[in-house]
């Protein structure tokens, strides 16, 4: 089986939730969708955890200490945490 991607799994999960919310499907099918939804949810959570760990590694300073940087979507590229990380190191 080809490796599943986060975006594909999330899309499938969203479709399953919509179908379950409609309530027009038999109980057996609902249970199967629910089971698959749980699997996809766990998969997505695992992928998000992996991504978070990678980001933490990238944000570590030269001395290996992780510095927390608040996420600010309106920042321009010269104000990104990565651009400022060397300035803030002790």
N, C-alpha and C. Protein backbone atom coordinates (compact mmCIF):
# COMPACT_ATOMS: atom_id res chain seq x y z
N UNK A 1 0.84 -1.19 0.00
CA UNK A 1 0.00 0.00 0.00
C UNK A 1 0.88 1.24 0.00
N UNK A 2 0.62 2.20 -0.89
CA UNK A 2 1.44 3.41 -0.91
C UNK A 2 1.31 4.19 0.38
N UNK A 3 2.37 4.93 0.68
CA UNK A 3 2.40 5.72 1.90
C UNK A 3 1.31 6.80 1.87
N UNK A 4 0.50 6.84 2.92
CA UNK A 4 -0.59 7.81 3.01
C UNK A 4 -0.03 9.17 3.39
N UNK A 5 -0.61 10.21 2.83
CA UNK A 5 -0.17 11.57 3.12
C UNK A 5 -1.15 12.24 4.07
N UNK A 6 -0.64 13.15 4.88
CA UNK A 6 -1.45 13.85 5.87
C UNK A 6 -2.66 14.51 5.23
N UNK A 7 -2.43 15.25 4.15
CA UNK A 7 -3.52 15.99 3.51
C UNK A 7 -4.62 15.07 3.00
N UNK A 8 -4.21 13.94 2.43
CA UNK A 8 -5.19 12.97 1.93
C UNK A 8 -5.99 12.37 3.08
N UNK A 9 -5.31 12.03 4.16
CA UNK A 9 -5.98 11.44 5.31
C UNK A 9 -6.95 12.45 5.94
N UNK A 10 -6.53 13.69 6.04
CA UNK A 10 -7.39 14.72 6.62
C UNK A 10 -8.62 14.94 5.75
N UNK A 11 -8.43 14.94 4.44
CA UNK A 11 -9.55 15.11 3.51
C UNK A 11 -10.56 13.96 3.66
N UNK A 12 -10.04 12.72 3.74
CA UNK A 12 -10.91 11.56 3.93
C UNK A 12 -11.67 11.68 5.25
N UNK A 13 -10.97 12.10 6.29
CA UNK A 13 -11.58 12.23 7.60
C UNK A 13 -12.70 13.26 7.59
N UNK A 14 -12.46 14.39 6.93
CA UNK A 14 -13.49 15.43 6.83
C UNK A 14 -14.74 14.91 6.11
N UNK A 15 -14.53 14.14 5.04
CA UNK A 15 -15.66 13.58 4.29
C UNK A 15 -16.44 12.57 5.14
N UNK A 16 -15.71 11.77 5.91
CA UNK A 16 -16.37 10.80 6.78
C UNK A 16 -17.21 11.49 7.85
N UNK A 17 -16.66 12.53 8.43
CA UNK A 17 -17.39 13.28 9.47
C UNK A 17 -18.67 13.87 8.87
N UNK A 18 -18.56 14.44 7.69
CA UNK A 18 -19.76 15.01 7.04
C UNK A 18 -20.81 13.94 6.80
N UNK A 19 -20.38 12.79 6.33
CA UNK A 19 -21.30 11.69 6.05
C UNK A 19 -21.97 11.21 7.34
N UNK A 20 -21.18 11.10 8.41
CA UNK A 20 -21.74 10.67 9.69
C UNK A 20 -22.71 11.71 10.25
N UNK A 21 -22.38 12.98 10.06
CA UNK A 21 -23.25 14.05 10.58
C UNK A 21 -24.61 14.08 9.87
N UNK A 22 -24.64 13.66 8.61
CA UNK A 22 -25.90 13.62 7.87
C UNK A 22 -26.88 12.65 8.51
N UNK A 23 -26.37 11.56 9.06
CA UNK A 23 -27.20 10.60 9.77
C UNK A 23 -28.07 9.74 8.88
N UNK A 24 -27.80 9.69 7.58
CA UNK A 24 -28.64 8.93 6.65
C UNK A 24 -28.08 7.55 6.33
N UNK A 25 -27.13 7.07 7.11
CA UNK A 25 -26.50 5.79 6.79
C UNK A 25 -26.83 4.77 7.88
N UNK A 26 -26.86 3.49 7.50
CA UNK A 26 -27.16 2.44 8.47
C UNK A 26 -26.11 2.36 9.58
N UNK A 27 -26.49 1.77 10.69
CA UNK A 27 -25.61 1.65 11.85
C UNK A 27 -24.30 0.95 11.53
N UNK A 28 -24.37 -0.17 10.82
CA UNK A 28 -23.15 -0.92 10.48
C UNK A 28 -22.16 -0.05 9.70
N UNK A 29 -22.66 0.68 8.71
CA UNK A 29 -21.79 1.55 7.92
C UNK A 29 -21.25 2.69 8.78
N UNK A 30 -22.07 3.20 9.66
CA UNK A 30 -21.63 4.27 10.57
C UNK A 30 -20.48 3.79 11.44
N UNK A 31 -20.60 2.56 11.95
CA UNK A 31 -19.53 2.01 12.79
C UNK A 31 -18.23 1.83 12.00
N UNK A 32 -18.36 1.36 10.76
CA UNK A 32 -17.17 1.19 9.92
C UNK A 32 -16.51 2.54 9.65
N UNK A 33 -17.33 3.54 9.34
CA UNK A 33 -16.80 4.88 9.10
C UNK A 33 -16.14 5.44 10.36
N UNK A 34 -16.77 5.21 11.50
CA UNK A 34 -16.23 5.68 12.76
C UNK A 34 -14.87 5.05 13.04
N UNK A 35 -14.77 3.73 12.85
CA UNK A 35 -13.50 3.02 13.05
C UNK A 35 -12.41 3.58 12.14
N UNK A 36 -12.74 3.74 10.87
CA UNK A 36 -11.76 4.28 9.92
C UNK A 36 -11.40 5.73 10.29
N UNK A 37 -12.38 6.48 10.76
CA UNK A 37 -12.14 7.85 11.19
C UNK A 37 -11.18 7.92 12.36
N UNK A 38 -11.31 7.00 13.30
CA UNK A 38 -10.39 6.94 14.44
C UNK A 38 -8.98 6.65 13.95
N UNK A 39 -8.86 5.71 13.02
CA UNK A 39 -7.54 5.37 12.47
C UNK A 39 -6.92 6.59 11.79
N UNK A 40 -7.72 7.27 10.97
CA UNK A 40 -7.21 8.45 10.26
C UNK A 40 -6.86 9.58 11.23
N UNK A 41 -7.65 9.74 12.28
CA UNK A 41 -7.38 10.76 13.29
C UNK A 41 -6.05 10.49 13.98
N UNK A 42 -5.81 9.25 14.33
CA UNK A 42 -4.53 8.89 14.98
C UNK A 42 -3.37 9.10 14.02
N UNK A 43 -3.57 8.73 12.77
CA UNK A 43 -2.52 8.94 11.77
C UNK A 43 -2.19 10.42 11.64
N UNK A 44 -3.22 11.26 11.54
CA UNK A 44 -3.01 12.71 11.40
C UNK A 44 -2.32 13.28 12.64
N UNK A 45 -2.73 12.84 13.82
CA UNK A 45 -2.08 13.31 15.05
C UNK A 45 -0.61 12.91 15.08
N UNK A 46 -0.31 11.70 14.63
CA UNK A 46 1.08 11.24 14.59
C UNK A 46 1.90 12.12 13.65
N UNK A 47 1.35 12.41 12.47
CA UNK A 47 2.06 13.24 11.50
C UNK A 47 2.28 14.65 12.05
N UNK A 48 1.28 15.20 12.74
CA UNK A 48 1.43 16.53 13.33
C UNK A 48 2.49 16.53 14.42
N UNK A 49 2.53 15.47 15.23
CA UNK A 49 3.56 15.36 16.27
C UNK A 49 4.96 15.30 15.64
N UNK A 50 5.09 14.53 14.57
CA UNK A 50 6.38 14.44 13.87
C UNK A 50 6.80 15.80 13.32
N UNK A 51 5.86 16.52 12.74
CA UNK A 51 6.16 17.84 12.19
C UNK A 51 6.58 18.80 13.31
N UNK A 52 5.89 18.73 14.44
CA UNK A 52 6.23 19.60 15.57
C UNK A 52 7.65 19.34 16.06
N UNK A 53 8.03 18.07 16.12
CA UNK A 53 9.39 17.72 16.55
C UNK A 53 10.43 18.25 15.57
N UNK A 54 10.13 18.17 14.29
CA UNK A 54 11.06 18.70 13.28
C UNK A 54 11.21 20.21 13.43
N UNK A 55 10.11 20.90 13.67
CA UNK A 55 10.15 22.36 13.85
C UNK A 55 10.98 22.70 15.08
N UNK A 56 10.81 21.95 16.17
CA UNK A 56 11.60 22.20 17.37
C UNK A 56 13.09 22.04 17.10
N UNK A 57 13.44 21.03 16.33
CA UNK A 57 14.85 20.83 15.98
C UNK A 57 15.37 22.02 15.18
N UNK A 58 14.57 22.51 14.26
CA UNK A 58 15.00 23.64 13.44
C UNK A 58 15.11 24.93 14.23
N UNK A 59 14.35 25.07 15.31
CA UNK A 59 14.37 26.29 16.10
C UNK A 59 15.42 26.28 17.20
N UNK A 60 16.11 25.18 17.38
CA UNK A 60 17.16 25.13 18.39
C UNK A 60 18.30 26.05 17.99
N UNK A 61 18.84 26.73 18.96
CA UNK A 61 19.96 27.63 18.71
C UNK A 61 21.26 26.85 18.54
N UNK A 62 22.33 27.57 18.29
CA UNK A 62 23.64 26.92 18.12
C UNK A 62 24.05 26.13 19.35
N UNK A 63 23.63 26.60 20.52
CA UNK A 63 23.99 25.92 21.76
C UNK A 63 23.06 24.75 22.07
N UNK A 64 22.11 24.45 21.20
CA UNK A 64 21.22 23.31 21.36
C UNK A 64 20.01 23.56 22.22
N UNK A 65 19.85 24.79 22.70
CA UNK A 65 18.70 25.11 23.55
C UNK A 65 17.56 25.61 22.68
N UNK A 66 16.39 25.02 22.91
CA UNK A 66 15.19 25.41 22.18
C UNK A 66 14.68 26.73 22.73
N UNK A 67 14.46 27.67 21.84
CA UNK A 67 13.88 28.95 22.24
C UNK A 67 12.49 29.04 21.66
N UNK A 68 11.52 29.31 22.52
CA UNK A 68 10.13 29.43 22.06
C UNK A 68 9.95 30.75 21.34
N UNK A 69 9.27 30.69 20.22
CA UNK A 69 8.95 31.87 19.43
C UNK A 69 7.46 31.87 19.18
N UNK A 70 6.76 32.94 19.52
CA UNK A 70 5.32 32.97 19.25
C UNK A 70 5.05 32.99 17.75
N UNK A 71 3.99 32.34 17.37
CA UNK A 71 3.58 32.34 15.96
C UNK A 71 2.79 33.60 15.68
N UNK A 72 3.27 34.36 14.72
CA UNK A 72 2.59 35.59 14.33
C UNK A 72 2.44 35.58 12.81
N UNK A 73 1.26 35.21 12.30
CA UNK A 73 1.08 35.07 10.86
C UNK A 73 1.27 36.35 10.07
N UNK A 74 1.20 37.51 10.70
CA UNK A 74 1.34 38.75 9.96
C UNK A 74 2.79 39.22 9.84
N UNK A 75 3.74 38.43 10.36
CA UNK A 75 5.14 38.84 10.30
C UNK A 75 5.66 38.80 8.86
N UNK A 76 6.55 39.74 8.53
CA UNK A 76 7.18 39.65 7.22
C UNK A 76 8.43 38.79 7.35
N UNK A 77 9.05 38.42 6.25
CA UNK A 77 10.14 37.46 6.27
C UNK A 77 11.34 37.91 7.09
N UNK A 78 11.57 39.21 7.24
CA UNK A 78 12.71 39.68 8.02
C UNK A 78 12.46 39.56 9.53
N UNK A 79 11.22 39.26 9.92
CA UNK A 79 10.89 39.15 11.33
C UNK A 79 10.57 37.72 11.75
N UNK A 80 10.87 36.74 10.94
CA UNK A 80 10.55 35.37 11.29
C UNK A 80 11.42 34.91 12.44
N UNK A 81 10.96 33.95 13.23
CA UNK A 81 11.77 33.43 14.33
C UNK A 81 13.12 32.91 13.86
N UNK A 82 13.17 32.28 12.70
CA UNK A 82 14.45 31.77 12.21
C UNK A 82 15.42 32.89 11.90
N UNK A 83 14.91 34.00 11.38
CA UNK A 83 15.77 35.12 11.06
C UNK A 83 16.29 35.78 12.33
N UNK A 84 15.52 35.74 13.42
CA UNK A 84 15.92 36.38 14.66
C UNK A 84 16.61 35.44 15.63
N UNK A 85 16.63 34.15 15.39
CA UNK A 85 17.11 33.19 16.37
C UNK A 85 18.57 33.40 16.74
N UNK A 86 19.41 33.76 15.79
CA UNK A 86 20.82 33.97 16.10
C UNK A 86 21.04 35.21 16.92
N UNK A 87 20.23 36.25 16.72
CA UNK A 87 20.38 37.49 17.47
C UNK A 87 20.09 37.29 18.93
N UNK A 88 19.13 36.38 19.26
CA UNK A 88 18.66 36.23 20.62
C UNK A 88 19.48 35.24 21.42
N UNK A 89 20.40 34.52 20.82
CA UNK A 89 21.16 33.51 21.54
C UNK A 89 22.13 34.15 22.51
N UNK A 90 22.31 33.46 23.65
CA UNK A 90 23.25 33.95 24.68
C UNK A 90 24.64 33.44 24.41
